[in-house]
Protein backbone atom coordinates (compact mmCIF):
# COMPACT_ATOMS: atom_id res chain seq x y z
CA MET A 1 2.57 75.98 -1.49
CA LYS A 2 3.31 76.06 2.22
CA ILE A 3 0.89 74.81 4.84
CA SER A 4 1.29 75.29 8.57
CA TYR A 5 -0.66 74.24 11.64
CA HIS A 6 -1.24 76.60 14.56
CA GLY A 7 -3.07 74.68 17.27
CA HIS A 8 -6.70 73.56 17.63
CA SER A 9 -8.08 73.75 14.06
CA VAL A 10 -6.07 76.72 12.79
CA VAL A 11 -4.40 76.13 9.43
CA LYS A 12 -2.45 78.64 7.33
CA ILE A 13 -1.94 78.19 3.60
CA MET A 14 0.49 80.31 1.60
CA THR A 15 0.04 80.01 -2.15
CA GLY A 16 0.52 82.31 -5.14
CA GLY A 17 1.60 85.19 -2.93
CA LYS A 18 -1.60 84.93 -0.89
CA THR A 19 -2.09 83.94 2.75
CA ILE A 20 -5.21 82.04 3.76
CA LEU A 21 -6.25 81.26 7.34
CA ILE A 22 -8.76 78.53 8.15
CA ASP A 23 -10.71 78.83 11.44
CA PRO A 24 -8.43 81.50 13.00
CA PHE A 25 -9.05 80.89 16.71
CA ILE A 26 -6.08 82.79 18.17
CA ASN A 27 -7.04 84.76 21.28
CA GLY A 28 -8.07 82.21 23.89
CA ASN A 29 -6.22 79.40 22.13
CA SER A 30 -3.51 78.30 24.55
CA LEU A 31 -1.88 76.07 21.91
CA THR A 32 -1.35 78.62 19.15
CA ASP A 33 1.85 80.44 18.28
CA LEU A 34 0.04 83.18 16.36
CA LYS A 35 -0.68 86.76 17.41
CA VAL A 36 -3.63 88.55 15.85
CA GLU A 37 -1.73 91.80 15.32
CA GLU A 38 0.99 89.98 13.36
CA GLU A 39 -1.28 88.10 10.95
CA LYS A 40 -2.07 89.59 7.54
CA PRO A 41 -4.42 87.15 5.82
CA ASP A 42 -5.69 87.84 2.33
CA ALA A 43 -8.53 85.41 2.95
CA ILE A 44 -10.18 83.61 5.87
CA LEU A 45 -12.12 80.37 5.41
CA LEU A 46 -14.54 79.23 8.11
CA THR A 47 -15.96 75.75 8.59
CA HIS A 48 -18.72 76.66 11.04
CA ALA A 49 -19.91 79.24 13.54
CA HIS A 50 -18.60 78.01 16.88
CA ASN A 51 -16.53 80.63 18.66
CA ASP A 52 -13.44 78.41 18.77
CA HIS A 53 -13.44 78.40 14.95
CA VAL A 54 -14.69 81.87 14.01
CA GLY A 55 -12.20 83.09 16.59
CA ASP A 56 -10.63 86.41 15.60
CA THR A 57 -12.11 86.58 12.11
CA VAL A 58 -13.79 89.96 12.52
CA GLU A 59 -10.71 91.75 13.85
CA LEU A 60 -8.42 90.13 11.28
CA ALA A 61 -10.73 90.79 8.36
CA LYS A 62 -11.29 94.45 9.22
CA ALA A 63 -7.60 95.11 9.83
CA ASN A 64 -6.47 93.46 6.59
CA ASN A 65 -9.46 93.85 4.26
CA SER A 66 -9.56 90.06 4.11
CA GLN A 67 -12.03 88.14 1.97
CA VAL A 68 -13.99 85.88 4.32
CA VAL A 69 -15.67 82.73 2.99
CA ALA A 70 -18.15 80.98 5.28
CA PRO A 71 -21.41 79.02 5.34
CA VAL A 72 -24.06 81.44 4.14
CA GLU A 73 -25.89 82.11 7.42
CA LEU A 74 -22.61 82.76 9.21
CA ALA A 75 -21.44 84.96 6.34
CA ASN A 76 -24.65 86.98 6.54
CA TYR A 77 -24.12 87.55 10.26
CA LEU A 78 -20.47 88.56 9.77
CA GLY A 79 -21.65 90.97 7.09
CA THR A 80 -23.70 92.82 9.71
CA LEU A 81 -20.44 93.34 11.61
CA GLY A 82 -18.81 95.02 8.62
CA VAL A 83 -16.95 92.02 7.22
CA ASP A 84 -16.68 91.28 3.49
CA ALA A 85 -18.06 87.74 3.64
CA ALA A 86 -18.98 85.42 0.77
CA GLY A 87 -21.67 82.98 1.86
CA MET A 88 -21.50 79.48 0.41
CA ASN A 89 -23.30 76.23 1.11
CA LEU A 90 -22.70 72.49 1.05
CA GLY A 91 -21.72 71.15 -2.35
CA GLY A 92 -21.01 74.60 -3.72
CA SER A 93 -17.63 75.63 -5.09
CA SER A 94 -16.17 78.90 -6.27
CA ASP A 95 -12.95 80.20 -7.77
CA PHE A 96 -11.30 83.04 -5.89
CA ASP A 97 -8.06 84.85 -6.69
CA PHE A 98 -6.35 82.75 -3.99
CA GLY A 99 -7.71 79.33 -5.03
CA THR A 100 -10.86 77.23 -5.33
CA VAL A 101 -13.08 76.60 -2.32
CA LYS A 102 -15.70 73.86 -2.10
CA TYR A 103 -17.85 73.13 0.93
CA THR A 104 -18.57 69.55 1.94
CA LYS A 105 -20.87 68.16 4.56
CA ALA A 106 -19.83 67.75 8.18
CA PHE A 107 -21.91 66.32 11.02
CA HIS A 108 -21.78 68.72 13.94
CA SER A 109 -23.65 71.82 15.15
CA SER A 110 -23.10 75.48 14.34
CA SER A 111 -23.95 78.57 16.35
CA TYR A 112 -22.11 81.70 17.44
CA MET A 113 -22.36 83.29 20.87
CA ALA A 114 -22.16 87.07 20.61
CA GLU A 115 -20.61 89.22 23.33
CA ASN A 116 -24.08 90.06 24.69
CA GLY A 117 -24.82 86.34 25.15
CA GLU A 118 -27.10 86.09 22.12
CA VAL A 119 -26.81 82.78 20.29
CA ILE A 120 -26.68 83.27 16.51
CA TYR A 121 -27.67 80.42 14.19
CA GLY A 122 -24.70 79.67 11.97
CA GLY A 123 -26.20 77.44 9.28
CA MET A 124 -24.85 74.02 8.41
CA PRO A 125 -21.38 73.03 9.60
CA ALA A 126 -19.00 72.13 6.80
CA GLY A 127 -15.69 70.76 5.68
CA ILE A 128 -13.58 72.58 3.11
CA ILE A 129 -11.83 71.34 0.00
CA PHE A 130 -9.25 73.91 -1.06
CA LYS A 131 -7.42 73.67 -4.37
CA ALA A 132 -4.50 75.72 -5.67
CA GLU A 133 -1.28 75.08 -7.59
CA GLY A 134 -2.56 71.64 -8.56
CA LYS A 135 -2.81 70.60 -4.90
CA THR A 136 -5.88 69.60 -2.87
CA ILE A 137 -6.32 70.25 0.85
CA TYR A 138 -9.24 68.86 2.85
CA HIS A 139 -10.07 70.46 6.20
CA ALA A 140 -12.83 68.37 7.74
CA GLY A 141 -13.89 71.00 10.27
CA ASP A 142 -15.61 69.58 13.33
CA THR A 143 -17.34 66.37 12.37
CA ASP A 144 -18.38 62.86 13.16
CA LEU A 145 -17.23 60.01 10.93
CA PHE A 146 -19.56 59.61 7.95
CA GLY A 147 -19.61 57.26 5.00
CA ASP A 148 -19.56 59.96 2.33
CA MET A 149 -15.94 60.64 3.21
CA GLU A 150 -15.31 57.77 0.82
CA LEU A 151 -16.94 59.82 -1.96
CA ILE A 152 -14.84 62.84 -1.03
CA GLY A 153 -11.74 60.67 -1.34
CA LYS A 154 -12.84 59.09 -4.61
CA ARG A 155 -13.65 62.40 -6.25
CA ASN A 156 -10.62 64.32 -4.99
CA ASP A 157 -6.94 63.40 -5.06
CA ILE A 158 -6.27 64.74 -1.57
CA ASP A 159 -2.71 65.77 -0.79
CA VAL A 160 -3.31 66.71 2.87
CA ALA A 161 -6.34 66.01 5.09
CA PHE A 162 -6.75 67.76 8.41
CA LEU A 163 -8.91 65.56 10.66
CA PRO A 164 -10.21 66.21 14.19
CA ILE A 165 -9.26 63.49 16.70
CA GLY A 166 -10.31 65.05 20.01
CA ASP A 167 -13.43 62.95 20.66
CA PHE A 168 -16.20 64.35 22.93
CA PHE A 169 -17.19 67.12 20.45
CA THR A 170 -15.99 65.40 17.25
CA MET A 171 -14.81 61.99 16.13
CA GLY A 172 -12.07 60.45 18.22
CA PRO A 173 -8.85 58.74 17.13
CA GLU A 174 -10.41 55.41 16.08
CA ASP A 175 -13.10 57.02 13.94
CA ALA A 176 -10.62 59.54 12.53
CA ALA A 177 -8.31 56.68 11.54
CA TYR A 178 -11.21 55.06 9.68
CA ALA A 179 -11.95 58.42 8.06
CA ALA A 180 -8.35 58.51 6.85
CA GLU A 181 -8.86 55.08 5.29
CA LEU A 182 -11.96 56.31 3.43
CA LEU A 183 -10.34 59.54 2.24
CA LYS A 184 -7.07 57.97 1.06
CA ALA A 185 -5.20 61.24 1.46
CA LYS A 186 -1.47 61.17 0.88
CA THR A 187 -0.87 62.92 4.21
CA VAL A 188 -3.11 63.19 7.27
CA VAL A 189 -2.67 65.76 10.04
CA PRO A 190 -4.58 65.39 13.34
CA ILE A 191 -6.24 68.56 14.66
CA HIS A 192 -8.78 69.68 17.28
CA TYR A 193 -7.23 67.98 20.29
CA ASP A 194 -5.57 68.95 23.61
CA THR A 195 -6.99 72.50 23.60
CA PHE A 196 -9.53 71.79 26.35
CA PRO A 197 -9.59 69.01 28.99
CA PRO A 198 -12.40 66.97 27.32
CA ILE A 199 -10.43 66.63 24.08
CA LYS A 200 -7.04 65.54 25.43
CA GLN A 201 -5.59 62.88 23.13
CA ASP A 202 -2.30 61.21 22.27
CA PRO A 203 -1.77 61.79 18.52
CA GLU A 204 0.84 59.05 18.47
CA GLU A 205 -1.91 56.53 19.22
CA PHE A 206 -3.90 57.91 16.31
CA LYS A 207 -0.85 57.59 14.07
CA LYS A 208 -0.51 53.89 14.95
CA MET A 209 -4.08 53.26 13.79
CA VAL A 210 -3.70 54.84 10.35
CA THR A 211 -2.71 52.73 7.36
CA GLY A 212 -2.26 53.90 3.80
CA SER A 213 -1.56 57.54 4.60
CA ASP A 214 1.48 59.33 5.99
CA VAL A 215 0.54 60.87 9.35
CA LYS A 216 2.28 64.11 10.25
CA ILE A 217 1.89 65.22 13.87
CA LEU A 218 2.46 68.97 13.80
CA LYS A 219 3.11 71.34 16.68
CA ALA A 220 2.00 74.95 16.45
CA GLY A 221 4.09 76.63 13.78
CA ASP A 222 5.22 73.45 12.04
CA GLU A 223 5.07 73.57 8.25
CA LEU A 224 4.37 71.18 5.41
CA ALA A 225 5.70 71.86 1.94
CA ILE A 226 3.70 70.13 -0.79
């Protein structure tokens, strides 16, 4: 399995000959190294409906016949746009041909702004537990710190946890470091920072706060092999 980070909250997983993109915000993302026309995802996983997470899902999915998995209200909306979207909800899990997806709680908001300015309700925000090849990846999505992260850590042997550290819209470095302590992941990768002025952070400061997990600070395009 290969995992790579591509700025903001964009994560790519390559496993079993399949390519999975999580929250593919590419166009408008000044930190990414990806180009929409070059990406060929077999599946796209979405944590919530905000435009900087849904990103280029519709274009990517239509061009590549990608399976999209999203919170159910968001999936229903994407379905009206011609996307093959499986709608899941918190606590639910499902086996796909690319791996197992389970949705966890996240404390945030979730709505999508359409091109005409209409605000679409996106259902509950979520984190994602992804399992394949005997490995477990946790993408927290956009979230506050919450105590049930301890349960997520106790019930899952997490190899890599992607945690937002940007503050302002999500938890900041101190809370994210405490989240890492609760989750007890082998490796922690900070995400959702530096993209916009309100979420500028120094990931090295976050790294200093984390104990018990190996912190990998990844630039766009950097890979992890697990």
